[in-house]
C-alpha atoms as a PDB file:
ATOM      1  CA  UNK A   1       0.000   0.000   0.000  1.00  0.00           C
ATOM      2  CA  UNK A   2       1.450   3.397  -0.986  1.00  0.00           C
ATOM      3  CA  UNK A   3       1.700   6.365   1.408  1.00  0.00           C
ATOM      4  CA  UNK A   4      -1.181   8.121  -0.368  1.00  0.00           C
ATOM      5  CA  UNK A   5      -3.356   4.994   0.002  1.00  0.00           C
ATOM      6  CA  UNK A   6      -2.536   4.866   3.730  1.00  0.00           C
ATOM      7  CA  UNK A   7      -3.446   8.541   4.145  1.00  0.00           C
ATOM      8  CA  UNK A   8      -6.870   7.904   2.596  1.00  0.00           C
ATOM      9  CA  UNK A   9      -7.602   5.377   5.352  1.00  0.00           C
ATOM     10  CA  UNK A  10      -6.909   7.844   8.173  1.00  0.00           C
ATOM     11  CA  UNK A  11      -9.706   9.728   9.900  1.00  0.00           C
ATOM     12  CA  UNK A  12      -8.823  12.842  11.890  1.00  0.00           C
ATOM     13  CA  UNK A  13     -10.629  14.448  14.799  1.00  0.00           C
ATOM     14  CA  UNK A  14     -10.731  18.228  14.972  1.00  0.00           C
ATOM     15  CA  UNK A  15      -7.172  19.488  15.539  1.00  0.00           C
ATOM     16  CA  UNK A  16      -6.113  21.439  18.618  1.00  0.00           C
ATOM     17  CA  UNK A  17      -3.654  24.315  18.354  1.00  0.00           C
ATOM     18  CA  UNK A  18      -1.118  24.623  21.151  1.00  0.00           C
ATOM     19  CA  UNK A  19       0.621  28.008  21.083  1.00  0.00           C
ATOM     20  CA  UNK A  20       3.089  29.921  23.203  1.00  0.00           C
ATOM     21  CA  UNK A  21       2.491  33.226  21.412  1.00  0.00           C
ATOM     22  CA  UNK A  22       5.349  32.831  18.948  1.00  0.00           C
ATOM     23  CA  UNK A  23       5.125  29.190  17.814  1.00  0.00           C
ATOM     24  CA  UNK A  24       2.155  26.863  17.240  1.00  0.00           C
ATOM     25  CA  UNK A  25       1.941  23.082  17.219  1.00  0.00           C
ATOM     26  CA  UNK A  26      -1.143  21.221  16.027  1.00  0.00           C
ATOM     27  CA  UNK A  27      -2.232  17.992  17.690  1.00  0.00           C
ATOM     28  CA  UNK A  28      -5.123  15.692  16.879  1.00  0.00           C
ATOM     29  CA  UNK A  29      -6.306  12.166  17.449  1.00  0.00           C
ATOM     30  CA  UNK A  30      -6.219  10.135  14.284  1.00  0.00           C
ATOM     31  CA  UNK A  31      -7.832   6.792  13.591  1.00  0.00           C
ATOM     32  CA  UNK A  32      -5.810   4.421  11.404  1.00  0.00           C
ATOM     33  CA  UNK A  33      -6.371   0.798  10.404  1.00  0.00           C
ATOM     34  CA  UNK A  34      -3.840  -0.039  13.171  1.00  0.00           C
ATOM     35  CA  UNK A  35      -5.620   1.970  15.905  1.00  0.00           C
ATOM     36  CA  UNK A  36      -5.773   5.471  17.339  1.00  0.00           C
ATOM     37  CA  UNK A  37      -2.721   7.712  17.522  1.00  0.00           C
ATOM     38  CA  UNK A  38      -1.854  11.242  18.583  1.00  0.00           C
ATOM     39  CA  UNK A  39      -0.483  13.198  15.637  1.00  0.00           C
ATOM     40  CA  UNK A  40       1.805  16.136  16.457  1.00  0.00           C
ATOM     41  CA  UNK A  41       2.668  18.641  13.681  1.00  0.00           C
ATOM     42  CA  UNK A  42       4.950  21.631  14.134  1.00  0.00           C
ATOM     43  CA  UNK A  43       5.341  24.761  12.001  1.00  0.00           C
ATOM     44  CA  UNK A  44       8.525  23.406  10.411  1.00  0.00           C
ATOM     45  CA  UNK A  45       6.725  20.429   8.881  1.00  0.00           C
ATOM     46  CA  UNK A  46       7.919  17.859  11.422  1.00  0.00           C
ATOM     47  CA  UNK A  47       5.265  15.266  12.265  1.00  0.00           C
ATOM     48  CA  UNK A  48       5.029  12.227  14.457  1.00  0.00           C
ATOM     49  CA  UNK A  49       2.221   9.795  15.239  1.00  0.00           C
ATOM     50  CA  UNK A  50       2.367   8.153  18.647  1.00  0.00           C
ATOM     51  CA  UNK A  51       0.373   5.199  19.902  1.00  0.00           C
ATOM     52  CA  UNK A  52      -1.034   5.010  23.457  1.00  0.00           C
ATOM     53  CA  UNK A  53       1.963   3.071  24.805  1.00  0.00           C
ATOM     54  CA  UNK A  54       4.474   5.681  23.605  1.00  0.00           C
ATOM     55  CA  UNK A  55       2.268   8.449  25.027  1.00  0.00           C
ATOM     56  CA  UNK A  56       1.977   6.645  28.343  1.00  0.00           C
ATOM     57  CA  UNK A  57       5.776   6.404  28.525  1.00  0.00           C
ATOM     58  CA  UNK A  58       5.977  10.198  28.075  1.00  0.00           C
ATOM     59  CA  UNK A  59       3.422  10.750  30.877  1.00  0.00           C
ATOM     60  CA  UNK A  60       5.831   9.566  33.582  1.00  0.00           C
ATOM     61  CA  UNK A  61       8.757  11.758  32.487  1.00  0.00           C
ATOM     62  CA  UNK A  62       9.844  14.683  34.645  1.00  0.00           C
ATOM     63  CA  UNK A  63       9.453  17.875  32.570  1.00  0.00           C
ATOM     64  CA  UNK A  64      12.717  19.194  34.027  1.00  0.00           C
ATOM     65  CA  UNK A  65      14.546  16.088  32.739  1.00  0.00           C
ATOM     66  CA  UNK A  66      12.749  15.722  29.420  1.00  0.00           C
ATOM     67  CA  UNK A  67      14.724  13.153  27.399  1.00  0.00           C
ATOM     68  CA  UNK A  68      14.763  15.068  24.101  1.00  0.00           C
ATOM     69  CA  UNK A  69      16.633  18.285  23.324  1.00  0.00           C
ATOM     70  CA  UNK A  70      14.575  21.442  23.885  1.00  0.00           C
ATOM     71  CA  UNK A  71      15.191  24.811  22.230  1.00  0.00           C
ATOM     72  CA  UNK A  72      17.240  27.096  24.484  1.00  0.00           C
ATOM     73  CA  UNK A  73      15.330  29.806  26.322  1.00  0.00           C
ATOM     74  CA  UNK A  74      11.827  28.437  25.766  1.00  0.00           C
ATOM     75  CA  UNK A  75       9.668  28.909  28.859  1.00  0.00           C
ATOM     76  CA  UNK A  76       8.172  25.873  30.578  1.00  0.00           C
ATOM     77  CA  UNK A  77       4.502  25.627  31.437  1.00  0.00           C
ATOM     78  CA  UNK A  78       4.825  22.776  33.906  1.00  0.00           C
ATOM     79  CA  UNK A  79       4.457  24.917  37.046  1.00  0.00           C
ATOM     80  CA  UNK A  80       2.176  27.625  35.624  1.00  0.00           C
ATOM     81  CA  UNK A  81      -1.408  27.849  36.853  1.00  0.00           C
ATOM     82  CA  UNK A  82      -4.077  26.516  34.479  1.00  0.00           C
ATOM     83  CA  UNK A  83      -6.501  29.246  33.420  1.00  0.00           C
ATOM     84  CA  UNK A  84      -8.789  27.019  31.333  1.00  0.00           C
ATOM     85  CA  UNK A  85      -8.811  23.604  29.693  1.00  0.00           C
ATOM     86  CA  UNK A  86     -10.579  21.740  26.931  1.00  0.00           C
ATOM     87  CA  UNK A  87     -12.441  18.464  27.278  1.00  0.00           C
ATOM     88  CA  UNK A  88     -10.053  15.474  27.594  1.00  0.00           C
ATOM     89  CA  UNK A  89      -9.645  13.172  24.590  1.00  0.00           C
ATOM     90  CA  UNK A  90      -8.810   9.487  25.113  1.00  0.00           C
ATOM     91  CA  UNK A  91      -6.465   7.302  23.096  1.00  0.00           C
ATOM     92  CA  UNK A  92      -6.378   3.658  24.129  1.00  0.00           C
ATOM     93  CA  UNK A  93      -5.503   0.172  22.998  1.00  0.00           C
ATOM     94  CA  UNK A  94      -5.238  -3.189  24.744  1.00  0.00           C
ATOM     95  CA  UNK A  95      -1.955  -2.164  26.415  1.00  0.00           C
ATOM     96  CA  UNK A  96      -2.322   1.473  27.426  1.00  0.00           C
ATOM     97  CA  UNK A  97      -4.770   4.308  27.961  1.00  0.00           C
ATOM     98  CA  UNK A  98      -3.929   8.017  27.815  1.00  0.00           C
ATOM     99  CA  UNK A  99      -5.996  11.184  27.814  1.00  0.00           C
ATOM    100  CA  UNK A 100      -4.802  14.473  26.394  1.00  0.00           C
ATOM    101  CA  UNK A 101      -6.172  17.931  27.002  1.00  0.00           C
ATOM    102  CA  UNK A 102      -5.223  21.377  25.741  1.00  0.00           C
ATOM    103  CA  UNK A 103      -4.745  23.632  28.742  1.00  0.00           C
ATOM    104  CA  UNK A 104      -4.231  27.382  28.786  1.00  0.00           C
ATOM    105  CA  UNK A 105      -1.727  28.543  31.394  1.00  0.00           C
ATOM    106  CA  UNK A 106      -0.300  31.888  32.418  1.00  0.00           C
ATOM    107  CA  UNK A 107       2.777  31.064  30.272  1.00  0.00           C
ATOM    108  CA  UNK A 108       0.931  29.862  27.159  1.00  0.00           C
ATOM    109  CA  UNK A 109      -0.844  26.734  26.034  1.00  0.00           C
ATOM    110  CA  UNK A 110       0.236  23.218  26.927  1.00  0.00           C
ATOM    111  CA  UNK A 111      -0.817  19.673  26.214  1.00  0.00           C
ATOM    112  CA  UNK A 112      -1.629  17.764  29.389  1.00  0.00           C
ATOM    113  CA  UNK A 113      -1.072  14.005  29.045  1.00  0.00           C
ATOM    114  CA  UNK A 114      -2.443  11.688  31.708  1.00  0.00           C
ATOM    115  CA  UNK A 115      -2.137   7.946  32.183  1.00  0.00           C
ATOM    116  CA  UNK A 116      -5.098   7.250  34.481  1.00  0.00           C
ATOM    117  CA  UNK A 117      -4.279   3.543  34.986  1.00  0.00           C
ATOM    118  CA  UNK A 118      -0.724   4.275  36.125  1.00  0.00           C
ATOM    119  CA  UNK A 119      -1.438   7.602  37.832  1.00  0.00           C
ATOM    120  CA  UNK A 120       1.138   9.683  35.927  1.00  0.00           C
ATOM    121  CA  UNK A 121       0.720  12.974  34.091  1.00  0.00           C
ATOM    122  CA  UNK A 122       2.847  15.599  32.375  1.00  0.00           C
ATOM    123  CA  UNK A 123       2.262  19.029  30.883  1.00  0.00           C
ATOM    124  CA  UNK A 124       4.029  19.523  27.549  1.00  0.00           C
ATOM    125  CA  UNK A 125       4.890  22.998  26.287  1.00  0.00           C
ATOM    126  CA  UNK A 126       5.116  23.968  22.629  1.00  0.00           C
ATOM    127  CA  UNK A 127       8.888  23.422  22.885  1.00  0.00           C
ATOM    128  CA  UNK A 128       8.352  19.899  24.255  1.00  0.00           C
ATOM    129  CA  UNK A 129       5.883  19.099  21.465  1.00  0.00           C
ATOM    130  CA  UNK A 130       8.238  20.443  18.787  1.00  0.00           C
ATOM    131  CA  UNK A 131      11.011  18.292  20.227  1.00  0.00           C
ATOM    132  CA  UNK A 132       8.779  15.210  20.172  1.00  0.00           C
ATOM    133  CA  UNK A 133       7.686  15.899  16.571  1.00  0.00           C
ATOM    134  CA  UNK A 134      11.349  15.861  15.448  1.00  0.00           C
ATOM    135  CA  UNK A 135      12.015  12.396  16.888  1.00  0.00           C
ATOM    136  CA  UNK A 136      11.931   9.063  15.152  1.00  0.00           C
ATOM    137  CA  UNK A 137       9.245   6.819  16.642  1.00  0.00           C
ATOM    138  CA  UNK A 138      11.955   4.302  17.604  1.00  0.00           C
ATOM    139  CA  UNK A 139      13.392   6.838  20.093  1.00  0.00           C
ATOM    140  CA  UNK A 140      10.425   6.161  22.380  1.00  0.00           C
ATOM    141  CA  UNK A 141      11.589   2.587  22.993  1.00  0.00           C
ATOM    142  CA  UNK A 142      14.172   3.904  25.463  1.00  0.00           C
ATOM    143  CA  UNK A 143      11.353   5.374  27.544  1.00  0.00           C
ATOM    144  CA  UNK A 144       9.836   1.915  27.869  1.00  0.00           C
ATOM    145  CA  UNK A 145      12.703   0.316  29.795  1.00  0.00           C
ATOM    146  CA  UNK A 146      10.262   0.082  32.704  1.00  0.00           C
ATOM    147  CA  UNK A 147       6.790  -0.232  31.156  1.00  0.00           C
ATOM    148  CA  UNK A 148       5.014   0.722  34.403  1.00  0.00           C
ATOM    149  CA  UNK A 149       6.857   3.963  35.149  1.00  0.00           C
ATOM    150  CA  UNK A 150       9.818   4.821  37.315  1.00  0.00           C
ATOM    151  CA  UNK A 151      10.871   2.173  39.843  1.00  0.00           C
ATOM    152  CA  UNK A 152      10.719   4.604  42.785  1.00  0.00           C
ATOM    153  CA  UNK A 153       7.029   5.302  42.033  1.00  0.00           C
ATOM    154  CA  UNK A 154       5.826   1.682  42.438  1.00  0.00           C
END
């Protein structure tokens, strides 16, 4: 099946724009023949599609120690107060369940990821999302060394 044939079999939910005032990243849940994914697109044309297991592995990361390179000088939204939030959207399969929500904070928009089964959550800034969009999907395997989260959290 060609790439254009695969694209015809993808259904997209309404996209959400996450912005920090200078940069915007678009996220949306997509439905593929292989299940639901979160698609992250940045302004530079970088795109990644992550399944629930990869998203769950991101949910237990510490924003201060995010495993992918972030642009220098980009403000974090992890400690900022939430001013408003959208309705959560769920992505799940037989192995993992994650919800994502666009939240508006004092420092700009963020994407809140939550793994309700494991009890972990993270708030991702535009810079975090741009960093994720630049990665190869295989990079997320390193986050799955412990599939249930950090050892000290068990």
